[in-house]
Full PDB file with SEQRES, HELIX, SHEET, SSBOND, CRYST1, ORIGX, SCALE, CONECT and MASTER records, all heavy atoms in Angstrom:
SEQRES   1 A   38  SER GLN GLY GLY ARG ALA ARG GLY GLY PRO SER PRO THR          
SEQRES   2 A   38  ASN ARG PRO LEU ARG ALA THR ILE ALA ALA ALA ILE ARG          
SEQRES   3 A   38  LEU SER VAL ARG THR THR GLY ASN PRO GLY ALA ARG              
HELIX    1 AA1 LEU A   17  ALA A   23  1                                   7    
SHEET    1 AA1 2 VAL A  29  ARG A  30  0                                        
SHEET    2 AA1 2 GLY A  36  ALA A  37 -1                                        
CRYST1    1.000    1.000    1.000  90.00  90.00  90.00 P 1           1          
ORIGX1      1.000000  0.000000  0.000000        0.00000                         
ORIGX2      0.000000  1.000000  0.000000        0.00000                         
ORIGX3      0.000000  0.000000  1.000000        0.00000                         
SCALE1      1.000000  0.000000  0.000000        0.00000                         
SCALE2      0.000000  1.000000  0.000000        0.00000                         
SCALE3      0.000000  0.000000  1.000000        0.00000                         
ATOM      1  N   SER A   1     -16.242   3.669  -3.134  1.00  0.00           N  
ATOM      2  CA  SER A   1     -16.730   4.490  -2.039  1.00  0.00           C  
ATOM      3  C   SER A   1     -17.681   3.682  -1.169  1.00  0.00           C  
ATOM      4  O   SER A   1     -18.387   2.791  -1.640  1.00  0.00           O  
ATOM      5  CB  SER A   1     -17.461   5.712  -2.599  1.00  0.00           C  
ATOM      6  OG  SER A   1     -18.133   6.388  -1.575  1.00  0.00           O  
ATOM      7  N   GLN A   2     -17.704   3.993   0.127  1.00  0.00           N  
ATOM      8  CA  GLN A   2     -18.619   3.336   1.046  1.00  0.00           C  
ATOM      9  C   GLN A   2     -20.023   3.933   0.958  1.00  0.00           C  
ATOM     10  O   GLN A   2     -20.899   3.545   1.700  1.00  0.00           O  
ATOM     11  CB  GLN A   2     -18.082   3.472   2.486  1.00  0.00           C  
ATOM     12  CG  GLN A   2     -16.767   2.774   2.721  1.00  0.00           C  
ATOM     13  CD  GLN A   2     -16.891   1.268   2.622  1.00  0.00           C  
ATOM     14  OE1 GLN A   2     -17.895   0.691   3.014  1.00  0.00           O  
ATOM     15  NE2 GLN A   2     -15.879   0.637   2.060  1.00  0.00           N  
ATOM     16  N   GLY A   3     -20.206   4.892   0.104  1.00  0.00           N  
ATOM     17  CA  GLY A   3     -21.508   5.543  -0.007  1.00  0.00           C  
ATOM     18  C   GLY A   3     -21.579   6.723   0.945  1.00  0.00           C  
ATOM     19  O   GLY A   3     -20.581   7.160   1.496  1.00  0.00           O  
ATOM     20  N   GLY A   4     -22.774   7.250   1.143  1.00  0.00           N  
ATOM     21  CA  GLY A   4     -22.901   8.404   2.029  1.00  0.00           C  
ATOM     22  C   GLY A   4     -22.525   9.672   1.305  1.00  0.00           C  
ATOM     23  O   GLY A   4     -22.579   9.764   0.076  1.00  0.00           O  
ATOM     24  N   ARG A   5     -22.094  10.667   2.065  1.00  0.00           N  
ATOM     25  CA  ARG A   5     -21.790  11.939   1.421  1.00  0.00           C  
ATOM     26  C   ARG A   5     -20.455  11.869   0.694  1.00  0.00           C  
ATOM     27  O   ARG A   5     -19.522  11.178   1.115  1.00  0.00           O  
ATOM     28  CB  ARG A   5     -21.824  13.058   2.441  1.00  0.00           C  
ATOM     29  CG  ARG A   5     -20.602  13.211   3.236  1.00  0.00           C  
ATOM     30  CD  ARG A   5     -20.776  14.315   4.287  1.00  0.00           C  
ATOM     31  NE  ARG A   5     -19.677  14.148   5.199  1.00  0.00           N  
ATOM     32  CZ  ARG A   5     -18.674  14.992   5.296  1.00  0.00           C  
ATOM     33  NH1 ARG A   5     -18.683  16.105   4.620  1.00  0.00           N  
ATOM     34  NH2 ARG A   5     -17.682  14.745   6.107  1.00  0.00           N  
ATOM     35  N   ALA A   6     -20.371  12.618  -0.373  1.00  0.00           N  
ATOM     36  CA  ALA A   6     -19.134  12.657  -1.158  1.00  0.00           C  
ATOM     37  C   ALA A   6     -18.062  13.377  -0.364  1.00  0.00           C  
ATOM     38  O   ALA A   6     -18.330  14.352   0.324  1.00  0.00           O  
ATOM     39  CB  ALA A   6     -19.382  13.358  -2.485  1.00  0.00           C  
ATOM     40  N   ARG A   7     -16.842  12.906  -0.453  1.00  0.00           N  
ATOM     41  CA  ARG A   7     -15.755  13.506   0.301  1.00  0.00           C  
ATOM     42  C   ARG A   7     -14.683  14.032  -0.635  1.00  0.00           C  
ATOM     43  O   ARG A   7     -14.181  13.298  -1.459  1.00  0.00           O  
ATOM     44  CB  ARG A   7     -15.123  12.478   1.221  1.00  0.00           C  
ATOM     45  CG  ARG A   7     -16.079  11.929   2.227  1.00  0.00           C  
ATOM     46  CD  ARG A   7     -15.527  10.671   2.778  1.00  0.00           C  
ATOM     47  NE  ARG A   7     -15.244  10.781   4.200  1.00  0.00           N  
ATOM     48  CZ  ARG A   7     -14.642   9.855   4.867  1.00  0.00           C  
ATOM     49  NH1 ARG A   7     -14.210   8.787   4.272  1.00  0.00           N  
ATOM     50  NH2 ARG A   7     -14.431   9.992   6.151  1.00  0.00           N  
ATOM     51  N   GLY A   8     -14.335  15.249  -0.505  1.00  0.00           N  
ATOM     52  CA  GLY A   8     -13.146  15.805  -1.129  1.00  0.00           C  
ATOM     53  C   GLY A   8     -13.143  16.030  -2.622  1.00  0.00           C  
ATOM     54  O   GLY A   8     -12.241  16.665  -3.116  1.00  0.00           O  
ATOM     55  N   GLY A   9     -14.050  15.492  -3.366  1.00  0.00           N  
ATOM     56  CA  GLY A   9     -14.057  15.697  -4.807  1.00  0.00           C  
ATOM     57  C   GLY A   9     -13.036  14.837  -5.517  1.00  0.00           C  
ATOM     58  O   GLY A   9     -12.627  13.793  -5.013  1.00  0.00           O  
ATOM     59  N   PRO A  10     -12.585  15.286  -6.683  1.00  0.00           N  
ATOM     60  CA  PRO A  10     -11.642  14.477  -7.454  1.00  0.00           C  
ATOM     61  C   PRO A  10     -10.283  14.381  -6.765  1.00  0.00           C  
ATOM     62  O   PRO A  10      -9.924  15.202  -5.933  1.00  0.00           O  
ATOM     63  CB  PRO A  10     -11.542  15.223  -8.785  1.00  0.00           C  
ATOM     64  CG  PRO A  10     -12.008  16.597  -8.512  1.00  0.00           C  
ATOM     65  CD  PRO A  10     -12.948  16.520  -7.353  1.00  0.00           C  
ATOM     66  N   SER A  11      -9.543  13.363  -7.144  1.00  0.00           N  
ATOM     67  CA  SER A  11      -8.225  13.120  -6.555  1.00  0.00           C  
ATOM     68  C   SER A  11      -7.296  14.298  -6.822  1.00  0.00           C  
ATOM     69  O   SER A  11      -7.239  14.812  -7.936  1.00  0.00           O  
ATOM     70  CB  SER A  11      -7.622  11.852  -7.146  1.00  0.00           C  
ATOM     71  OG  SER A  11      -6.301  11.688  -6.704  1.00  0.00           O  
ATOM     72  N   PRO A  12      -6.551  14.734  -5.807  1.00  0.00           N  
ATOM     73  CA  PRO A  12      -5.622  15.843  -6.013  1.00  0.00           C  
ATOM     74  C   PRO A  12      -4.350  15.435  -6.761  1.00  0.00           C  
ATOM     75  O   PRO A  12      -3.546  16.277  -7.121  1.00  0.00           O  
ATOM     76  CB  PRO A  12      -5.294  16.287  -4.587  1.00  0.00           C  
ATOM     77  CG  PRO A  12      -5.483  15.071  -3.764  1.00  0.00           C  
ATOM     78  CD  PRO A  12      -6.594  14.295  -4.425  1.00  0.00           C  
ATOM     79  N   THR A  13      -4.155  14.151  -6.983  1.00  0.00           N  
ATOM     80  CA  THR A  13      -2.961  13.679  -7.701  1.00  0.00           C  
ATOM     81  C   THR A  13      -3.399  12.762  -8.834  1.00  0.00           C  
ATOM     82  O   THR A  13      -4.526  12.290  -8.893  1.00  0.00           O  
ATOM     83  CB  THR A  13      -2.025  12.875  -6.782  1.00  0.00           C  
ATOM     84  OG1 THR A  13      -2.671  11.655  -6.428  1.00  0.00           O  
ATOM     85  CG2 THR A  13      -1.672  13.646  -5.530  1.00  0.00           C  
ATOM     86  N   ASN A  14      -2.471  12.504  -9.706  1.00  0.00           N  
ATOM     87  CA  ASN A  14      -2.735  11.563 -10.804  1.00  0.00           C  
ATOM     88  C   ASN A  14      -2.075  10.217 -10.561  1.00  0.00           C  
ATOM     89  O   ASN A  14      -2.087   9.359 -11.426  1.00  0.00           O  
ATOM     90  CB  ASN A  14      -2.223  12.146 -12.124  1.00  0.00           C  
ATOM     91  CG  ASN A  14      -3.063  13.305 -12.572  1.00  0.00           C  
ATOM     92  OD1 ASN A  14      -4.271  13.339 -12.329  1.00  0.00           O  
ATOM     93  ND2 ASN A  14      -2.438  14.271 -13.220  1.00  0.00           N  
ATOM     94  N   ARG A  15      -1.478  10.041  -9.374  1.00  0.00           N  
ATOM     95  CA  ARG A  15      -0.761   8.794  -9.118  1.00  0.00           C  
ATOM     96  C   ARG A  15      -1.756   7.643  -8.936  1.00  0.00           C  
ATOM     97  O   ARG A  15      -2.812   7.806  -8.330  1.00  0.00           O  
ATOM     98  CB  ARG A  15       0.157   8.926  -7.915  1.00  0.00           C  
ATOM     99  CG  ARG A  15      -0.566   8.836  -6.620  1.00  0.00           C  
ATOM    100  CD  ARG A  15       0.380   8.802  -5.422  1.00  0.00           C  
ATOM    101  NE  ARG A  15      -0.426   9.066  -4.272  1.00  0.00           N  
ATOM    102  CZ  ARG A  15      -0.369  10.149  -3.529  1.00  0.00           C  
ATOM    103  NH1 ARG A  15       0.528  11.069  -3.790  1.00  0.00           N  
ATOM    104  NH2 ARG A  15      -1.170  10.322  -2.519  1.00  0.00           N  
ATOM    105  N   PRO A  16      -1.418   6.478  -9.424  1.00  0.00           N  
ATOM    106  CA  PRO A  16      -2.274   5.302  -9.239  1.00  0.00           C  
ATOM    107  C   PRO A  16      -2.119   4.754  -7.820  1.00  0.00           C  
ATOM    108  O   PRO A  16      -1.046   4.279  -7.441  1.00  0.00           O  
ATOM    109  CB  PRO A  16      -1.767   4.321 -10.286  1.00  0.00           C  
ATOM    110  CG  PRO A  16      -0.364   4.758 -10.582  1.00  0.00           C  
ATOM    111  CD  PRO A  16      -0.289   6.221 -10.287  1.00  0.00           C  
ATOM    112  N   LEU A  17      -3.151   4.845  -7.013  1.00  0.00           N  
ATOM    113  CA  LEU A  17      -3.097   4.475  -5.601  1.00  0.00           C  
ATOM    114  C   LEU A  17      -2.680   3.022  -5.397  1.00  0.00           C  
ATOM    115  O   LEU A  17      -1.754   2.729  -4.648  1.00  0.00           O  
ATOM    116  CB  LEU A  17      -4.451   4.726  -4.937  1.00  0.00           C  
ATOM    117  CG  LEU A  17      -4.563   4.299  -3.480  1.00  0.00           C  
ATOM    118  CD1 LEU A  17      -3.588   5.105  -2.626  1.00  0.00           C  
ATOM    119  CD2 LEU A  17      -5.983   4.458  -2.991  1.00  0.00           C  
ATOM    120  N   ARG A  18      -3.359   2.093  -6.053  1.00  0.00           N  
ATOM    121  CA  ARG A  18      -3.063   0.674  -5.830  1.00  0.00           C  
ATOM    122  C   ARG A  18      -1.646   0.313  -6.253  1.00  0.00           C  
ATOM    123  O   ARG A  18      -0.947  -0.426  -5.562  1.00  0.00           O  
ATOM    124  CB  ARG A  18      -4.092  -0.195  -6.537  1.00  0.00           C  
ATOM    125  CG  ARG A  18      -5.460  -0.095  -5.881  1.00  0.00           C  
ATOM    126  CD  ARG A  18      -6.501  -0.754  -6.695  1.00  0.00           C  
ATOM    127  NE  ARG A  18      -6.773   0.130  -7.831  1.00  0.00           N  
ATOM    128  CZ  ARG A  18      -7.795   0.034  -8.635  1.00  0.00           C  
ATOM    129  NH1 ARG A  18      -8.662  -0.940  -8.470  1.00  0.00           N  
ATOM    130  NH2 ARG A  18      -7.980   0.873  -9.624  1.00  0.00           N  
ATOM    131  N   ALA A  19      -1.188   0.847  -7.384  1.00  0.00           N  
ATOM    132  CA  ALA A  19       0.176   0.559  -7.847  1.00  0.00           C  
ATOM    133  C   ALA A  19       1.213   1.150  -6.897  1.00  0.00           C  
ATOM    134  O   ALA A  19       2.266   0.549  -6.661  1.00  0.00           O  
ATOM    135  CB  ALA A  19       0.384   1.101  -9.258  1.00  0.00           C  
ATOM    136  N   THR A  20       0.920   2.310  -6.328  1.00  0.00           N  
ATOM    137  CA  THR A  20       1.831   2.946  -5.378  1.00  0.00           C  
ATOM    138  C   THR A  20       1.974   2.084  -4.127  1.00  0.00           C  
ATOM    139  O   THR A  20       3.086   1.870  -3.627  1.00  0.00           O  
ATOM    140  CB  THR A  20       1.325   4.351  -4.996  1.00  0.00           C  
ATOM    141  OG1 THR A  20       1.218   5.132  -6.189  1.00  0.00           O  
ATOM    142  CG2 THR A  20       2.246   5.034  -4.028  1.00  0.00           C  
ATOM    143  N   ILE A  21       0.863   1.574  -3.626  1.00  0.00           N  
ATOM    144  CA  ILE A  21       0.903   0.718  -2.436  1.00  0.00           C  
ATOM    145  C   ILE A  21       1.593  -0.607  -2.755  1.00  0.00           C  
ATOM    146  O   ILE A  21       2.433  -1.086  -1.985  1.00  0.00           O  
ATOM    147  CB  ILE A  21      -0.515   0.491  -1.885  1.00  0.00           C  
ATOM    148  CG1 ILE A  21      -1.086   1.821  -1.370  1.00  0.00           C  
ATOM    149  CG2 ILE A  21      -0.507  -0.554  -0.773  1.00  0.00           C  
ATOM    150  CD1 ILE A  21      -2.547   1.773  -1.018  1.00  0.00           C  
ATOM    151  N   ALA A  22       1.285  -1.203  -3.903  1.00  0.00           N  
ATOM    152  CA  ALA A  22       1.897  -2.476  -4.280  1.00  0.00           C  
ATOM    153  C   ALA A  22       3.419  -2.351  -4.413  1.00  0.00           C  
ATOM    154  O   ALA A  22       4.159  -3.256  -4.022  1.00  0.00           O  
ATOM    155  CB  ALA A  22       1.295  -2.990  -5.583  1.00  0.00           C  
ATOM    156  N   ALA A  23       3.880  -1.214  -4.918  1.00  0.00           N  
ATOM    157  CA  ALA A  23       5.320  -1.016  -5.090  1.00  0.00           C  
ATOM    158  C   ALA A  23       6.040  -0.894  -3.749  1.00  0.00           C  
ATOM    159  O   ALA A  23       7.253  -1.101  -3.672  1.00  0.00           O  
ATOM    160  CB  ALA A  23       5.578   0.225  -5.942  1.00  0.00           C  
ATOM    161  N   ALA A  24       5.319  -0.576  -2.686  1.00  0.00           N  
ATOM    162  CA  ALA A  24       5.925  -0.427  -1.359  1.00  0.00           C  
ATOM    163  C   ALA A  24       5.968  -1.742  -0.585  1.00  0.00           C  
ATOM    164  O   ALA A  24       6.486  -1.780   0.531  1.00  0.00           O  
ATOM    165  CB  ALA A  24       5.170   0.627  -0.555  1.00  0.00           C  
ATOM    166  N   ILE A  25       5.447  -2.819  -1.146  1.00  0.00           N  
ATOM    167  CA  ILE A  25       5.473  -4.117  -0.474  1.00  0.00           C  
ATOM    168  C   ILE A  25       6.879  -4.696  -0.596  1.00  0.00           C  
ATOM    169  O   ILE A  25       7.425  -4.806  -1.680  1.00  0.00           O  
ATOM    170  CB  ILE A  25       4.420  -5.077  -1.071  1.00  0.00           C  
ATOM    171  CG1 ILE A  25       3.024  -4.522  -0.802  1.00  0.00           C  
ATOM    172  CG2 ILE A  25       4.578  -6.475  -0.491  1.00  0.00           C  
ATOM    173  CD1 ILE A  25       1.910  -5.296  -1.470  1.00  0.00           C  
ATOM    174  N   ARG A  26       7.465  -5.030   0.539  1.00  0.00           N  
ATOM    175  CA  ARG A  26       8.845  -5.501   0.590  1.00  0.00           C  
ATOM    176  C   ARG A  26       8.926  -6.905   1.173  1.00  0.00           C  
ATOM    177  O   ARG A  26       8.037  -7.361   1.876  1.00  0.00           O  
ATOM    178  CB  ARG A  26       9.685  -4.575   1.480  1.00  0.00           C  
ATOM    179  CG  ARG A  26       9.714  -3.143   1.040  1.00  0.00           C  
ATOM    180  CD  ARG A  26      10.636  -2.980  -0.167  1.00  0.00           C  
ATOM    181  NE  ARG A  26      10.859  -1.575  -0.422  1.00  0.00           N  
ATOM    182  CZ  ARG A  26      10.289  -0.907  -1.421  1.00  0.00           C  
ATOM    183  NH1 ARG A  26       9.472  -1.502  -2.234  1.00  0.00           N  
ATOM    184  NH2 ARG A  26      10.554   0.372  -1.601  1.00  0.00           N  
ATOM    185  N   LEU A  27      10.053  -7.537   0.895  1.00  0.00           N  
ATOM    186  CA  LEU A  27      10.358  -8.867   1.414  1.00  0.00           C  
ATOM    187  C   LEU A  27      11.704  -8.786   2.113  1.00  0.00           C  
ATOM    188  O   LEU A  27      12.675  -8.302   1.540  1.00  0.00           O  
ATOM    189  CB  LEU A  27      10.429  -9.865   0.250  1.00  0.00           C  
ATOM    190  CG  LEU A  27      11.005 -11.239   0.522  1.00  0.00           C  
ATOM    191  CD1 LEU A  27      10.148 -12.003   1.504  1.00  0.00           C  
ATOM    192  CD2 LEU A  27      11.125 -12.011  -0.781  1.00  0.00           C  
ATOM    193  N   SER A  28      11.763  -9.206   3.371  1.00  0.00           N  
ATOM    194  CA  SER A  28      13.045  -9.257   4.067  1.00  0.00           C  
ATOM    195  C   SER A  28      13.260 -10.680   4.584  1.00  0.00           C  
ATOM    196  O   SER A  28      12.315 -11.368   4.954  1.00  0.00           O  
ATOM    197  CB  SER A  28      13.096  -8.246   5.213  1.00  0.00           C  
ATOM    198  OG  SER A  28      12.096  -8.494   6.152  1.00  0.00           O  
ATOM    199  N   VAL A  29      14.519 -11.092   4.575  1.00  0.00           N  
ATOM    200  CA  VAL A  29      14.887 -12.453   4.955  1.00  0.00           C  
ATOM    201  C   VAL A  29      15.879 -12.393   6.106  1.00  0.00           C  
ATOM    202  O   VAL A  29      16.773 -11.552   6.122  1.00  0.00           O  
ATOM    203  CB  VAL A  29      15.523 -13.195   3.751  1.00  0.00           C  
ATOM    204  CG1 VAL A  29      16.027 -14.565   4.163  1.00  0.00           C  
ATOM    205  CG2 VAL A  29      14.532 -13.314   2.615  1.00  0.00           C  
ATOM    206  N   ARG A  30      15.688 -13.298   7.073  1.00  0.00           N  
ATOM    207  CA  ARG A  30      16.611 -13.396   8.206  1.00  0.00           C  
ATOM    208  C   ARG A  30      17.074 -14.849   8.300  1.00  0.00           C  
ATOM    209  O   ARG A  30      16.268 -15.767   8.247  1.00  0.00           O  
ATOM    210  CB  ARG A  30      15.901 -12.975   9.487  1.00  0.00           C  
ATOM    211  CG  ARG A  30      16.788 -13.049  10.689  1.00  0.00           C  
ATOM    212  CD  ARG A  30      16.161 -12.519  11.938  1.00  0.00           C  
ATOM    213  NE  ARG A  30      14.787 -12.981  12.080  1.00  0.00           N  
ATOM    214  CZ  ARG A  30      13.901 -12.407  12.862  1.00  0.00           C  
ATOM    215  NH1 ARG A  30      14.228 -11.355  13.552  1.00  0.00           N  
ATOM    216  NH2 ARG A  30      12.684 -12.878  12.965  1.00  0.00           N  
ATOM    217  N   THR A  31      18.385 -15.028   8.422  1.00  0.00           N  
ATOM    218  CA  THR A  31      18.928 -16.389   8.512  1.00  0.00           C  
ATOM    219  C   THR A  31      19.510 -16.680   9.887  1.00  0.00           C  
ATOM    220  O   THR A  31      19.979 -17.784  10.126  1.00  0.00           O  
ATOM    221  CB  THR A  31      20.014 -16.611   7.445  1.00  0.00           C  
ATOM    222  OG1 THR A  31      21.016 -15.612   7.592  1.00  0.00           O  
ATOM    223  CG2 THR A  31      19.436 -16.575   6.049  1.00  0.00           C  
ATOM    224  N   THR A  32      19.497 -15.707  10.789  1.00  0.00           N  
ATOM    225  CA  THR A  32      20.014 -15.937  12.133  1.00  0.00           C  
ATOM    226  C   THR A  32      18.868 -15.913  13.129  1.00  0.00           C  
ATOM    227  O   THR A  32      17.795 -15.408  12.831  1.00  0.00           O  
ATOM    228  CB  THR A  32      21.035 -14.859  12.523  1.00  0.00           C  
ATOM    229  OG1 THR A  32      20.398 -13.587  12.468  1.00  0.00           O  
ATOM    230  CG2 THR A  32      22.236 -14.874  11.608  1.00  0.00           C  
ATOM    231  N   GLY A  33      19.100 -16.416  14.305  1.00  0.00           N  
ATOM    232  CA  GLY A  33      18.065 -16.396  15.337  1.00  0.00           C  
ATOM    233  C   GLY A  33      16.863 -17.222  14.922  1.00  0.00           C  
ATOM    234  O   GLY A  33      16.904 -18.438  14.922  1.00  0.00           O  
ATOM    235  N   ASN A  34      15.799 -16.551  14.556  1.00  0.00           N  
ATOM    236  CA  ASN A  34      14.573 -17.194  14.099  1.00  0.00           C  
ATOM    237  C   ASN A  34      14.481 -16.993  12.589  1.00  0.00           C  
ATOM    238  O   ASN A  34      13.892 -16.032  12.131  1.00  0.00           O  
ATOM    239  CB  ASN A  34      13.371 -16.576  14.823  1.00  0.00           C  
ATOM    240  CG  ASN A  34      12.084 -17.290  14.506  1.00  0.00           C  
ATOM    241  OD1 ASN A  34      12.097 -18.394  13.982  1.00  0.00           O  
ATOM    242  ND2 ASN A  34      10.980 -16.656  14.814  1.00  0.00           N  
ATOM    243  N   PRO A  35      15.086 -17.883  11.776  1.00  0.00           N  
ATOM    244  CA  PRO A  35      15.156 -17.665  10.338  1.00  0.00           C  
ATOM    245  C   PRO A  35      13.784 -17.692   9.682  1.00  0.00           C  
ATOM    246  O   PRO A  35      12.873 -18.369  10.139  1.00  0.00           O  
ATOM    247  CB  PRO A  35      16.033 -18.806   9.826  1.00  0.00           C  
ATOM    248  CG  PRO A  35      16.057 -19.819  10.894  1.00  0.00           C  
ATOM    249  CD  PRO A  35      15.724 -19.129  12.174  1.00  0.00           C  
ATOM    250  N   GLY A  36      13.660 -16.918   8.627  1.00  0.00           N  
ATOM    251  CA  GLY A  36      12.412 -16.894   7.880  1.00  0.00           C  
ATOM    252  C   GLY A  36      12.313 -15.639   7.040  1.00  0.00           C  
ATOM    253  O   GLY A  36      13.268 -14.885   6.897  1.00  0.00           O  
ATOM    254  N   ALA A  37      11.142 -15.420   6.479  1.00  0.00           N  
ATOM    255  CA  ALA A  37      10.889 -14.264   5.628  1.00  0.00           C  
ATOM    256  C   ALA A  37       9.736 -13.462   6.200  1.00  0.00           C  
ATOM    257  O   ALA A  37       8.865 -13.996   6.881  1.00  0.00           O  
ATOM    258  CB  ALA A  37      10.560 -14.721   4.212  1.00  0.00           C  
ATOM    259  N   ARG A  38       9.769 -12.172   5.913  1.00  0.00           N  
ATOM    260  CA  ARG A  38       8.713 -11.281   6.363  1.00  0.00           C  
ATOM    261  C   ARG A  38       8.319 -10.417   5.177  1.00  0.00           C  
ATOM    262  O   ARG A  38       9.185  -9.860   4.494  1.00  0.00           O  
ATOM    263  CB  ARG A  38       9.220 -10.409   7.507  1.00  0.00           C  
ATOM    264  CG  ARG A  38       8.165  -9.536   8.124  1.00  0.00           C  
ATOM    265  CD  ARG A  38       8.743  -8.800   9.305  1.00  0.00           C  
ATOM    266  NE  ARG A  38       9.570  -7.719   8.838  1.00  0.00           N  
ATOM    267  CZ  ARG A  38       9.464  -6.453   9.257  1.00  0.00           C  
ATOM    268  NH1 ARG A  38       8.593  -6.147  10.176  1.00  0.00           N  
ATOM    269  NH2 ARG A  38      10.248  -5.530   8.772  1.00  0.00           N  
TER     270      ARG A  38                                                      
MASTER        0    0    0    1    2    0    0    6  269    1    0    3          
END                                                                             
């Protein structure tokens, strides 16, 4: 928390936030035009 007043109380879900975001990280590759990875 950044400190200050408390916001919202406990999490409304039990999902792990960091793992959820990490699982959404993708890799795409292009071999035409300007080849590379994103």
